[in-house]
Amino acid sequence: MNVDIEGIERVICGFSKITNANGNQPLEVMYYLKPIDLAYLQKLFDIDPNDPDPAVVDVIYCYDINEEQAKALQPYVIDGVIDLEKYDFMLDCHAKE
């Protein structure tokens, strides 16, 4: 098992499908993820584990979530549902507090 990076928390961010007056899609929901295997995320988001950028390899950047990815990630979501009909979702991460 290729464990995830120590010191970060993975989250799924759901943004409004409707832009506000500033042209932005406001964050509406944020769901924390249970621990997840890094190799699994790399495969799910088609990330080359040999990429020279460590932020790519470690899945640090934000990634849009499609329907297939939503289904694969749903079992890892704590207290939430990835509803692509309601929100535009992205995989994100931040430092543990």
PDB file of N, CA and C in Angstrom:
ATOM      1  N   MET A   1       0.852  -1.184   0.000  1.00  0.00           N
ATOM      2  CA  MET A   1       0.000   0.000   0.000  1.00  0.00           C
ATOM      3  C   MET A   1       0.894   1.243   0.000  1.00  0.00           C
ATOM      4  N   ASN A   2       0.583   2.159  -0.867  1.00  0.00           N
ATOM      5  CA  ASN A   2       1.306   3.426  -0.974  1.00  0.00           C
ATOM      6  C   ASN A   2       0.507   4.461  -0.191  1.00  0.00           C
ATOM      7  N   VAL A   3       0.866   4.650   1.066  1.00  0.00           N
ATOM      8  CA  VAL A   3       0.078   5.521   1.938  1.00  0.00           C
ATOM      9  C   VAL A   3       0.131   6.972   1.475  1.00  0.00           C
ATOM     10  N   ASP A   4      -0.832   7.723   1.911  1.00  0.00           N
ATOM     11  CA  ASP A   4      -0.936   9.135   1.536  1.00  0.00           C
ATOM     12  C   ASP A   4       0.115   9.949   2.284  1.00  0.00           C
ATOM     13  N   ILE A   5       0.230  11.194   1.947  1.00  0.00           N
ATOM     14  CA  ILE A   5       1.233  12.099   2.495  1.00  0.00           C
ATOM     15  C   ILE A   5       0.881  12.462   3.936  1.00  0.00           C
ATOM     16  N   GLU A   6       1.861  12.362   4.797  1.00  0.00           N
ATOM     17  CA  GLU A   6       1.660  12.719   6.196  1.00  0.00           C
ATOM     18  C   GLU A   6       1.511  14.233   6.321  1.00  0.00           C
ATOM     19  N   GLY A   7       0.570  14.657   7.158  1.00  0.00           N
ATOM     20  CA  GLY A   7       0.411  16.079   7.439  1.00  0.00           C
ATOM     21  C   GLY A   7      -0.587  16.813   6.566  1.00  0.00           C
ATOM     22  N   ILE A   8      -1.250  16.089   5.653  1.00  0.00           N
ATOM     23  CA  ILE A   8      -2.293  16.744   4.855  1.00  0.00           C
ATOM     24  C   ILE A   8      -3.623  16.037   5.039  1.00  0.00           C
ATOM     25  N   GLU A   9      -4.693  16.787   4.796  1.00  0.00           N
ATOM     26  CA  GLU A   9      -6.045  16.238   4.776  1.00  0.00           C
ATOM     27  C   GLU A   9      -6.593  16.437   3.377  1.00  0.00           C
ATOM     28  N   ARG A  10      -7.201  15.407   2.850  1.00  0.00           N
ATOM     29  CA  ARG A  10      -7.833  15.493   1.536  1.00  0.00           C
ATOM     30  C   ARG A  10      -9.300  15.864   1.734  1.00  0.00           C
ATOM     31  N   VAL A  11      -9.776  16.726   0.862  1.00  0.00           N
ATOM     32  CA  VAL A  11     -11.168  17.169   0.920  1.00  0.00           C
ATOM     33  C   VAL A  11     -11.758  17.194  -0.485  1.00  0.00           C
ATOM     34  N   ILE A  12     -13.068  17.110  -0.520  1.00  0.00           N
ATOM     35  CA  ILE A  12     -13.835  17.294  -1.746  1.00  0.00           C
ATOM     36  C   ILE A  12     -14.585  18.607  -1.566  1.00  0.00           C
ATOM     37  N   CYS A  13     -14.346  19.556  -2.464  1.00  0.00           N
ATOM     38  CA  CYS A  13     -14.999  20.867  -2.396  1.00  0.00           C
ATOM     39  C   CYS A  13     -16.079  20.942  -3.459  1.00  0.00           C
ATOM     40  N   GLY A  14     -17.274  21.354  -3.044  1.00  0.00           N
ATOM     41  CA  GLY A  14     -18.393  21.513  -3.965  1.00  0.00           C
ATOM     42  C   GLY A  14     -18.706  22.981  -4.169  1.00  0.00           C
ATOM     43  N   PHE A  15     -18.685  23.390  -5.424  1.00  0.00           N
ATOM     44  CA  PHE A  15     -18.908  24.790  -5.779  1.00  0.00           C
ATOM     45  C   PHE A  15     -20.255  24.957  -6.471  1.00  0.00           C
ATOM     46  N   SER A  16     -20.887  26.089  -6.228  1.00  0.00           N
ATOM     47  CA  SER A  16     -22.161  26.410  -6.866  1.00  0.00           C
ATOM     48  C   SER A  16     -22.013  26.322  -8.377  1.00  0.00           C
ATOM     49  N   LYS A  17     -23.025  25.826  -9.039  1.00  0.00           N
ATOM     50  CA  LYS A  17     -23.028  25.776 -10.503  1.00  0.00           C
ATOM     51  C   LYS A  17     -23.375  27.142 -11.092  1.00  0.00           C
ATOM     52  N   ILE A  18     -23.829  28.047 -10.238  1.00  0.00           N
ATOM     53  CA  ILE A  18     -24.226  29.388 -10.683  1.00  0.00           C
ATOM     54  C   ILE A  18     -23.169  30.384 -10.213  1.00  0.00           C
ATOM     55  N   THR A  19     -22.673  31.177 -11.131  1.00  0.00           N
ATOM     56  CA  THR A  19     -21.673  32.179 -10.760  1.00  0.00           C
ATOM     57  C   THR A  19     -22.333  33.345 -10.031  1.00  0.00           C
ATOM     58  N   ASN A  20     -21.573  33.959  -9.135  1.00  0.00           N
ATOM     59  CA  ASN A  20     -22.089  35.119  -8.408  1.00  0.00           C
ATOM     60  C   ASN A  20     -21.822  36.396  -9.210  1.00  0.00           C
ATOM     61  N   ALA A  21     -22.110  37.543  -8.617  1.00  0.00           N
ATOM     62  CA  ALA A  21     -21.961  38.833  -9.303  1.00  0.00           C
ATOM     63  C   ALA A  21     -20.519  39.100  -9.728  1.00  0.00           C
ATOM     64  N   ASN A  22     -19.568  38.477  -9.030  1.00  0.00           N
ATOM     65  CA  ASN A  22     -18.153  38.653  -9.370  1.00  0.00           C
ATOM     66  C   ASN A  22     -17.669  37.659 -10.418  1.00  0.00           C
ATOM     67  N   GLY A  23     -18.578  36.796 -10.872  1.00  0.00           N
ATOM     68  CA  GLY A  23     -18.204  35.794 -11.864  1.00  0.00           C
ATOM     69  C   GLY A  23     -17.548  34.556 -11.276  1.00  0.00           C
ATOM     70  N   ASN A  24     -17.625  34.406  -9.965  1.00  0.00           N
ATOM     71  CA  ASN A  24     -17.033  33.251  -9.284  1.00  0.00           C
ATOM     72  C   ASN A  24     -18.099  32.237  -8.919  1.00  0.00           C
ATOM     73  N   GLN A  25     -17.670  31.003  -8.757  1.00  0.00           N
ATOM     74  CA  GLN A  25     -18.550  29.959  -8.250  1.00  0.00           C
ATOM     75  C   GLN A  25     -18.209  29.773  -6.771  1.00  0.00           C
ATOM     76  N   PRO A  26     -19.063  30.231  -5.860  1.00  0.00           N
ATOM     77  CA  PRO A  26     -18.734  30.138  -4.434  1.00  0.00           C
ATOM     78  C   PRO A  26     -18.701  28.693  -3.925  1.00  0.00           C
ATOM     79  N   LEU A  27     -17.821  28.475  -2.945  1.00  0.00           N
ATOM     80  CA  LEU A  27     -17.746  27.188  -2.273  1.00  0.00           C
ATOM     81  C   LEU A  27     -19.018  26.998  -1.457  1.00  0.00           C
ATOM     82  N   GLU A  28     -19.682  25.872  -1.656  1.00  0.00           N
ATOM     83  CA  GLU A  28     -20.935  25.590  -0.944  1.00  0.00           C
ATOM     84  C   GLU A  28     -20.764  24.501   0.114  1.00  0.00           C
ATOM     85  N   VAL A  29     -19.993  23.451  -0.216  1.00  0.00           N
ATOM     86  CA  VAL A  29     -19.802  22.335   0.716  1.00  0.00           C
ATOM     87  C   VAL A  29     -18.351  21.868   0.659  1.00  0.00           C
ATOM     88  N   MET A  30     -17.898  21.295   1.768  1.00  0.00           N
ATOM     89  CA  MET A  30     -16.570  20.688   1.808  1.00  0.00           C
ATOM     90  C   MET A  30     -16.672  19.411   2.624  1.00  0.00           C
ATOM     91  N   TYR A  31     -16.279  18.302   2.012  1.00  0.00           N
ATOM     92  CA  TYR A  31     -16.334  16.998   2.666  1.00  0.00           C
ATOM     93  C   TYR A  31     -14.915  16.472   2.870  1.00  0.00           C
ATOM     94  N   TYR A  32     -14.618  16.062   4.087  1.00  0.00           N
ATOM     95  CA  TYR A  32     -13.318  15.450   4.372  1.00  0.00           C
ATOM     96  C   TYR A  32     -13.333  14.009   3.894  1.00  0.00           C
ATOM     97  N   LEU A  33     -12.153  13.525   3.525  1.00  0.00           N
ATOM     98  CA  LEU A  33     -12.012  12.146   3.074  1.00  0.00           C
ATOM     99  C   LEU A  33     -11.315  11.304   4.132  1.00  0.00           C
ATOM    100  N   LYS A  34     -11.711  10.042   4.205  1.00  0.00           N
ATOM    101  CA  LYS A  34     -10.993   9.068   5.015  1.00  0.00           C
ATOM    102  C   LYS A  34      -9.613   8.874   4.386  1.00  0.00           C
ATOM    103  N   PRO A  35      -8.669   8.292   5.126  1.00  0.00           N
ATOM    104  CA  PRO A  35      -7.357   8.017   4.528  1.00  0.00           C
ATOM    105  C   PRO A  35      -7.515   7.230   3.227  1.00  0.00           C
ATOM    106  N   ILE A  36      -6.725   7.610   2.244  1.00  0.00           N
ATOM    107  CA  ILE A  36      -6.847   7.020   0.914  1.00  0.00           C
ATOM    108  C   ILE A  36      -5.449   6.759   0.365  1.00  0.00           C
ATOM    109  N   ASP A  37      -5.306   5.681  -0.341  1.00  0.00           N
ATOM    110  CA  ASP A  37      -4.030   5.276  -0.911  1.00  0.00           C
ATOM    111  C   ASP A  37      -3.606   6.241  -2.019  1.00  0.00           C
ATOM    112  N   LEU A  38      -2.387   6.741  -1.945  1.00  0.00           N
ATOM    113  CA  LEU A  38      -1.893   7.701  -2.929  1.00  0.00           C
ATOM    114  C   LEU A  38      -1.876   7.108  -4.334  1.00  0.00           C
ATOM    115  N   ALA A  39      -1.460   5.860  -4.465  1.00  0.00           N
ATOM    116  CA  ALA A  39      -1.427   5.209  -5.779  1.00  0.00           C
ATOM    117  C   ALA A  39      -2.834   5.125  -6.377  1.00  0.00           C
ATOM    118  N   TYR A  40      -3.831   4.938  -5.531  1.00  0.00           N
ATOM    119  CA  TYR A  40      -5.221   4.899  -5.992  1.00  0.00           C
ATOM    120  C   TYR A  40      -5.620   6.251  -6.583  1.00  0.00           C
ATOM    121  N   LEU A  41      -5.273   7.335  -5.899  1.00  0.00           N
ATOM    122  CA  LEU A  41      -5.577   8.675  -6.416  1.00  0.00           C
ATOM    123  C   LEU A  41      -4.833   8.945  -7.716  1.00  0.00           C
ATOM    124  N   GLN A  42      -3.576   8.536  -7.782  1.00  0.00           N
ATOM    125  CA  GLN A  42      -2.799   8.734  -9.008  1.00  0.00           C
ATOM    126  C   GLN A  42      -3.466   8.034 -10.189  1.00  0.00           C
ATOM    127  N   LYS A  43      -3.910   6.819  -9.980  1.00  0.00           N
ATOM    128  CA  LYS A  43      -4.576   6.067 -11.054  1.00  0.00           C
ATOM    129  C   LYS A  43      -5.916   6.711 -11.404  1.00  0.00           C
ATOM    130  N   LEU A  44      -6.685   7.071 -10.397  1.00  0.00           N
ATOM    131  CA  LEU A  44      -8.015   7.637 -10.606  1.00  0.00           C
ATOM    132  C   LEU A  44      -7.963   8.942 -11.393  1.00  0.00           C
ATOM    133  N   PHE A  45      -6.934   9.754 -11.144  1.00  0.00           N
ATOM    134  CA  PHE A  45      -6.815  11.046 -11.816  1.00  0.00           C
ATOM    135  C   PHE A  45      -5.763  11.031 -12.935  1.00  0.00           C
ATOM    136  N   ASP A  46      -5.366   9.827 -13.354  1.00  0.00           N
ATOM    137  CA  ASP A  46      -4.446   9.633 -14.479  1.00  0.00           C
ATOM    138  C   ASP A  46      -3.160  10.444 -14.296  1.00  0.00           C
ATOM    139  N   ILE A  47      -2.542  10.268 -13.138  1.00  0.00           N
ATOM    140  CA  ILE A  47      -1.324  10.999 -12.792  1.00  0.00           C
ATOM    141  C   ILE A  47      -0.123  10.068 -12.933  1.00  0.00           C
ATOM    142  N   ASP A  48       0.884  10.530 -13.638  1.00  0.00           N
ATOM    143  CA  ASP A  48       2.114   9.766 -13.835  1.00  0.00           C
ATOM    144  C   ASP A  48       2.928   9.788 -12.542  1.00  0.00           C
ATOM    145  N   PRO A  49       3.134   8.633 -11.903  1.00  0.00           N
ATOM    146  CA  PRO A  49       3.900   8.616 -10.654  1.00  0.00           C
ATOM    147  C   PRO A  49       5.369   8.996 -10.842  1.00  0.00           C
ATOM    148  N   ASN A  50       5.811   9.107 -12.102  1.00  0.00           N
ATOM    149  CA  ASN A  50       7.194   9.500 -12.391  1.00  0.00           C
ATOM    150  C   ASN A  50       7.305  10.959 -12.820  1.00  0.00           C
ATOM    151  N   ASP A  51       6.225  11.714 -12.698  1.00  0.00           N
ATOM    152  CA  ASP A  51       6.260  13.132 -13.062  1.00  0.00           C
ATOM    153  C   ASP A  51       7.322  13.834 -12.209  1.00  0.00           C
ATOM    154  N   PRO A  52       8.090  14.759 -12.808  1.00  0.00           N
ATOM    155  CA  PRO A  52       9.138  15.433 -12.029  1.00  0.00           C
ATOM    156  C   PRO A  52       8.617  16.422 -10.982  1.00  0.00           C
ATOM    157  N   ASP A  53       7.358  16.815 -11.087  1.00  0.00           N
ATOM    158  CA  ASP A  53       6.778  17.774 -10.138  1.00  0.00           C
ATOM    159  C   ASP A  53       6.201  17.018  -8.938  1.00  0.00           C
ATOM    160  N   PRO A  54       6.782  17.167  -7.746  1.00  0.00           N
ATOM    161  CA  PRO A  54       6.266  16.438  -6.585  1.00  0.00           C
ATOM    162  C   PRO A  54       4.818  16.782  -6.243  1.00  0.00           C
ATOM    163  N   ALA A  55       4.373  17.987  -6.557  1.00  0.00           N
ATOM    164  CA  ALA A  55       2.978  18.356  -6.277  1.00  0.00           C
ATOM    165  C   ALA A  55       2.019  17.589  -7.181  1.00  0.00           C
ATOM    166  N   VAL A  56       2.474  17.211  -8.360  1.00  0.00           N
ATOM    167  CA  VAL A  56       1.665  16.372  -9.251  1.00  0.00           C
ATOM    168  C   VAL A  56       1.644  14.950  -8.700  1.00  0.00           C
ATOM    169  N   VAL A  57       2.815  14.390  -8.444  1.00  0.00           N
ATOM    170  CA  VAL A  57       2.934  13.013  -7.960  1.00  0.00           C
ATOM    171  C   VAL A  57       2.170  12.819  -6.654  1.00  0.00           C
ATOM    172  N   ASP A  58       2.227  13.795  -5.762  1.00  0.00           N
ATOM    173  CA  ASP A  58       1.574  13.689  -4.459  1.00  0.00           C
ATOM    174  C   ASP A  58       0.116  14.148  -4.479  1.00  0.00           C
ATOM    175  N   VAL A  59      -0.400  14.457  -5.648  1.00  0.00           N
ATOM    176  CA  VAL A  59      -1.795  14.880  -5.846  1.00  0.00           C
ATOM    177  C   VAL A  59      -2.115  16.053  -4.911  1.00  0.00           C
ATOM    178  N   ILE A  60      -1.286  17.078  -4.974  1.00  0.00           N
ATOM    179  CA  ILE A  60      -1.463  18.272  -4.157  1.00  0.00           C
ATOM    180  C   ILE A  60      -2.332  19.300  -4.878  1.00  0.00           C
ATOM    181  N   TYR A  61      -2.180  19.381  -6.194  1.00  0.00           N
ATOM    182  CA  TYR A  61      -2.989  20.328  -6.968  1.00  0.00           C
ATOM    183  C   TYR A  61      -4.464  19.941  -6.901  1.00  0.00           C
ATOM    184  N   CYS A  62      -5.345  20.884  -7.220  1.00  0.00           N
ATOM    185  CA  CYS A  62      -6.785  20.615  -7.276  1.00  0.00           C
ATOM    186  C   CYS A  62      -7.122  19.917  -8.591  1.00  0.00           C
ATOM    187  N   TYR A  63      -8.059  18.996  -8.527  1.00  0.00           N
ATOM    188  CA  TYR A  63      -8.490  18.264  -9.712  1.00  0.00           C
ATOM    189  C   TYR A  63     -10.010  18.241  -9.769  1.00  0.00           C
ATOM    190  N   ASP A  64     -10.556  18.588 -10.947  1.00  0.00           N
ATOM    191  CA  ASP A  64     -11.994  18.466 -11.164  1.00  0.00           C
ATOM    192  C   ASP A  64     -12.389  16.999 -11.040  1.00  0.00           C
ATOM    193  N   ILE A  65     -13.590  16.766 -10.538  1.00  0.00           N
ATOM    194  CA  ILE A  65     -14.087  15.408 -10.335  1.00  0.00           C
ATOM    195  C   ILE A  65     -15.202  15.131 -11.333  1.00  0.00           C
ATOM    196  N   ASN A  66     -15.024  14.061 -12.118  1.00  0.00           N
ATOM    197  CA  ASN A  66     -16.064  13.648 -13.058  1.00  0.00           C
ATOM    198  C   ASN A  66     -16.932  12.564 -12.404  1.00  0.00           C
ATOM    199  N   GLU A  67     -17.902  12.062 -13.157  1.00  0.00           N
ATOM    200  CA  GLU A  67     -18.857  11.099 -12.599  1.00  0.00           C
ATOM    201  C   GLU A  67     -18.173   9.808 -12.141  1.00  0.00           C
ATOM    202  N   GLU A  68     -17.274   9.289 -12.950  1.00  0.00           N
ATOM    203  CA  GLU A  68     -16.563   8.056 -12.599  1.00  0.00           C
ATOM    204  C   GLU A  68     -15.733   8.251 -11.328  1.00  0.00           C
ATOM    205  N   GLN A  69     -15.049   9.370 -11.243  1.00  0.00           N
ATOM    206  CA  GLN A  69     -14.234   9.664 -10.063  1.00  0.00           C
ATOM    207  C   GLN A  69     -15.106   9.877  -8.829  1.00  0.00           C
ATOM    208  N   ALA A  70     -16.259  10.510  -9.014  1.00  0.00           N
ATOM    209  CA  ALA A  70     -17.178  10.728  -7.894  1.00  0.00           C
ATOM    210  C   ALA A  70     -17.622   9.395  -7.299  1.00  0.00           C
ATOM    211  N   LYS A  71     -17.957   8.447  -8.158  1.00  0.00           N
ATOM    212  CA  LYS A  71     -18.377   7.121  -7.677  1.00  0.00           C
ATOM    213  C   LYS A  71     -17.242   6.421  -6.941  1.00  0.00           C
ATOM    214  N   ALA A  72     -16.031   6.554  -7.463  1.00  0.00           N
ATOM    215  CA  ALA A  72     -14.880   5.899  -6.841  1.00  0.00           C
ATOM    216  C   ALA A  72     -14.510   6.539  -5.500  1.00  0.00           C
ATOM    217  N   LEU A  73     -14.698   7.844  -5.377  1.00  0.00           N
ATOM    218  CA  LEU A  73     -14.332   8.555  -4.150  1.00  0.00           C
ATOM    219  C   LEU A  73     -15.419   8.522  -3.077  1.00  0.00           C
ATOM    220  N   GLN A  74     -16.661   8.293  -3.459  1.00  0.00           N
ATOM    221  CA  GLN A  74     -17.775   8.365  -2.511  1.00  0.00           C
ATOM    222  C   GLN A  74     -17.561   7.516  -1.256  1.00  0.00           C
ATOM    223  N   PRO A  75     -17.045   6.285  -1.357  1.00  0.00           N
ATOM    224  CA  PRO A  75     -16.843   5.497  -0.127  1.00  0.00           C
ATOM    225  C   PRO A  75     -15.857   6.122   0.866  1.00  0.00           C
ATOM    226  N   TYR A  76     -15.053   7.051   0.406  1.00  0.00           N
ATOM    227  CA  TYR A  76     -14.071   7.699   1.273  1.00  0.00           C
ATOM    228  C   TYR A  76     -14.595   8.993   1.900  1.00  0.00           C
ATOM    229  N   VAL A  77     -15.735   9.468   1.443  1.00  0.00           N
ATOM    230  CA  VAL A  77     -16.291  10.733   1.928  1.00  0.00           C
ATOM    231  C   VAL A  77     -16.879  10.544   3.325  1.00  0.00           C
ATOM    232  N   ILE A  78     -16.534  11.472   4.201  1.00  0.00           N
ATOM    233  CA  ILE A  78     -17.081  11.465   5.559  1.00  0.00           C
ATOM    234  C   ILE A  78     -18.264  12.431   5.587  1.00  0.00           C
ATOM    235  N   ASP A  79     -19.443  11.917   5.899  1.00  0.00           N
ATOM    236  CA  ASP A  79     -20.644  12.747   6.081  1.00  0.00           C
ATOM    237  C   ASP A  79     -20.970  13.645   4.896  1.00  0.00           C
ATOM    238  N   GLY A  80     -21.144  13.067   3.735  1.00  0.00           N
ATOM    239  CA  GLY A  80     -21.541  13.856   2.577  1.00  0.00           C
ATOM    240  C   GLY A  80     -21.748  12.987   1.356  1.00  0.00           C
ATOM    241  N   VAL A  81     -22.340  13.585   0.346  1.00  0.00           N
ATOM    242  CA  VAL A  81     -22.587  12.902  -0.921  1.00  0.00           C
ATOM    243  C   VAL A  81     -22.049  13.775  -2.042  1.00  0.00           C
ATOM    244  N   ILE A  82     -21.278  13.176  -2.932  1.00  0.00           N
ATOM    245  CA  ILE A  82     -20.767  13.896  -4.098  1.00  0.00           C
ATOM    246  C   ILE A  82     -21.886  13.903  -5.135  1.00  0.00           C
ATOM    247  N   ASP A  83     -22.666  14.963  -5.149  1.00  0.00           N
ATOM    248  CA  ASP A  83     -23.814  15.104  -6.049  1.00  0.00           C
ATOM    249  C   ASP A  83     -23.444  16.060  -7.179  1.00  0.00           C
ATOM    250  N   LEU A  84     -23.050  15.498  -8.317  1.00  0.00           N
ATOM    251  CA  LEU A  84     -22.606  16.311  -9.450  1.00  0.00           C
ATOM    252  C   LEU A  84     -23.746  17.073 -10.114  1.00  0.00           C
ATOM    253  N   GLU A  85     -24.974  16.708  -9.813  1.00  0.00           N
ATOM    254  CA  GLU A  85     -26.126  17.451 -10.331  1.00  0.00           C
ATOM    255  C   GLU A  85     -26.263  18.788  -9.597  1.00  0.00           C
ATOM    256  N   LYS A  86     -25.836  18.795  -8.349  1.00  0.00           N
ATOM    257  CA  LYS A  86     -26.028  19.963  -7.493  1.00  0.00           C
ATOM    258  C   LYS A  86     -24.816  20.901  -7.472  1.00  0.00           C
ATOM    259  N   TYR A  87     -23.595  20.332  -7.484  1.00  0.00           N
ATOM    260  CA  TYR A  87     -22.372  21.129  -7.367  1.00  0.00           C
ATOM    261  C   TYR A  87     -21.321  20.671  -8.375  1.00  0.00           C
ATOM    262  N   ASP A  88     -20.371  21.551  -8.644  1.00  0.00           N
ATOM    263  CA  ASP A  88     -19.150  21.194  -9.362  1.00  0.00           C
ATOM    264  C   ASP A  88     -18.118  20.869  -8.287  1.00  0.00           C
ATOM    265  N   PHE A  89     -17.544  19.672  -8.340  1.00  0.00           N
ATOM    266  CA  PHE A  89     -16.641  19.218  -7.284  1.00  0.00           C
ATOM    267  C   PHE A  89     -15.196  19.171  -7.741  1.00  0.00           C
ATOM    268  N   MET A  90     -14.319  19.390  -6.757  1.00  0.00           N
ATOM    269  CA  MET A  90     -12.875  19.288  -6.970  1.00  0.00           C
ATOM    270  C   MET A  90     -12.246  18.552  -5.795  1.00  0.00           C
ATOM    271  N   LEU A  91     -11.211  17.772  -6.104  1.00  0.00           N
ATOM    272  CA  LEU A  91     -10.382  17.177  -5.066  1.00  0.00           C
ATOM    273  C   LEU A  91      -9.352  18.224  -4.659  1.00  0.00           C
ATOM    274  N   ASP A  92      -9.187  18.416  -3.373  1.00  0.00           N
ATOM    275  CA  ASP A  92      -8.250  19.413  -2.863  1.00  0.00           C
ATOM    276  C   ASP A  92      -7.577  18.829  -1.619  1.00  0.00           C
ATOM    277  N   CYS A  93      -6.617  19.531  -1.090  1.00  0.00           N
ATOM    278  CA  CYS A  93      -6.000  19.130   0.171  1.00  0.00           C
ATOM    279  C   CYS A  93      -5.455  20.362   0.875  1.00  0.00           C
ATOM    280  N   HIS A  94      -5.237  20.221   2.159  1.00  0.00           N
ATOM    281  CA  HIS A  94      -4.630  21.291   2.946  1.00  0.00           C
ATOM    282  C   HIS A  94      -3.886  20.671   4.125  1.00  0.00           C
ATOM    283  N   ALA A  95      -3.066  21.472   4.770  1.00  0.00           N
ATOM    284  CA  ALA A  95      -2.302  20.993   5.922  1.00  0.00           C
ATOM    285  C   ALA A  95      -3.249  20.672   7.072  1.00  0.00           C
ATOM    286  N   LYS A  96      -2.962  19.573   7.763  1.00  0.00           N
ATOM    287  CA  LYS A  96      -3.749  19.235   8.952  1.00  0.00           C
ATOM    288  C   LYS A  96      -3.530  20.296  10.009  1.00  0.00           C
ATOM    289  N   GLU A  97      -4.589  20.591  10.715  1.00  0.00           N
ATOM    290  CA  GLU A  97      -4.498  21.601  11.780  1.00  0.00           C
ATOM    291  C   GLU A  97      -4.155  20.973  13.102  1.00  0.00           C
TER     292      GLU A  97
END
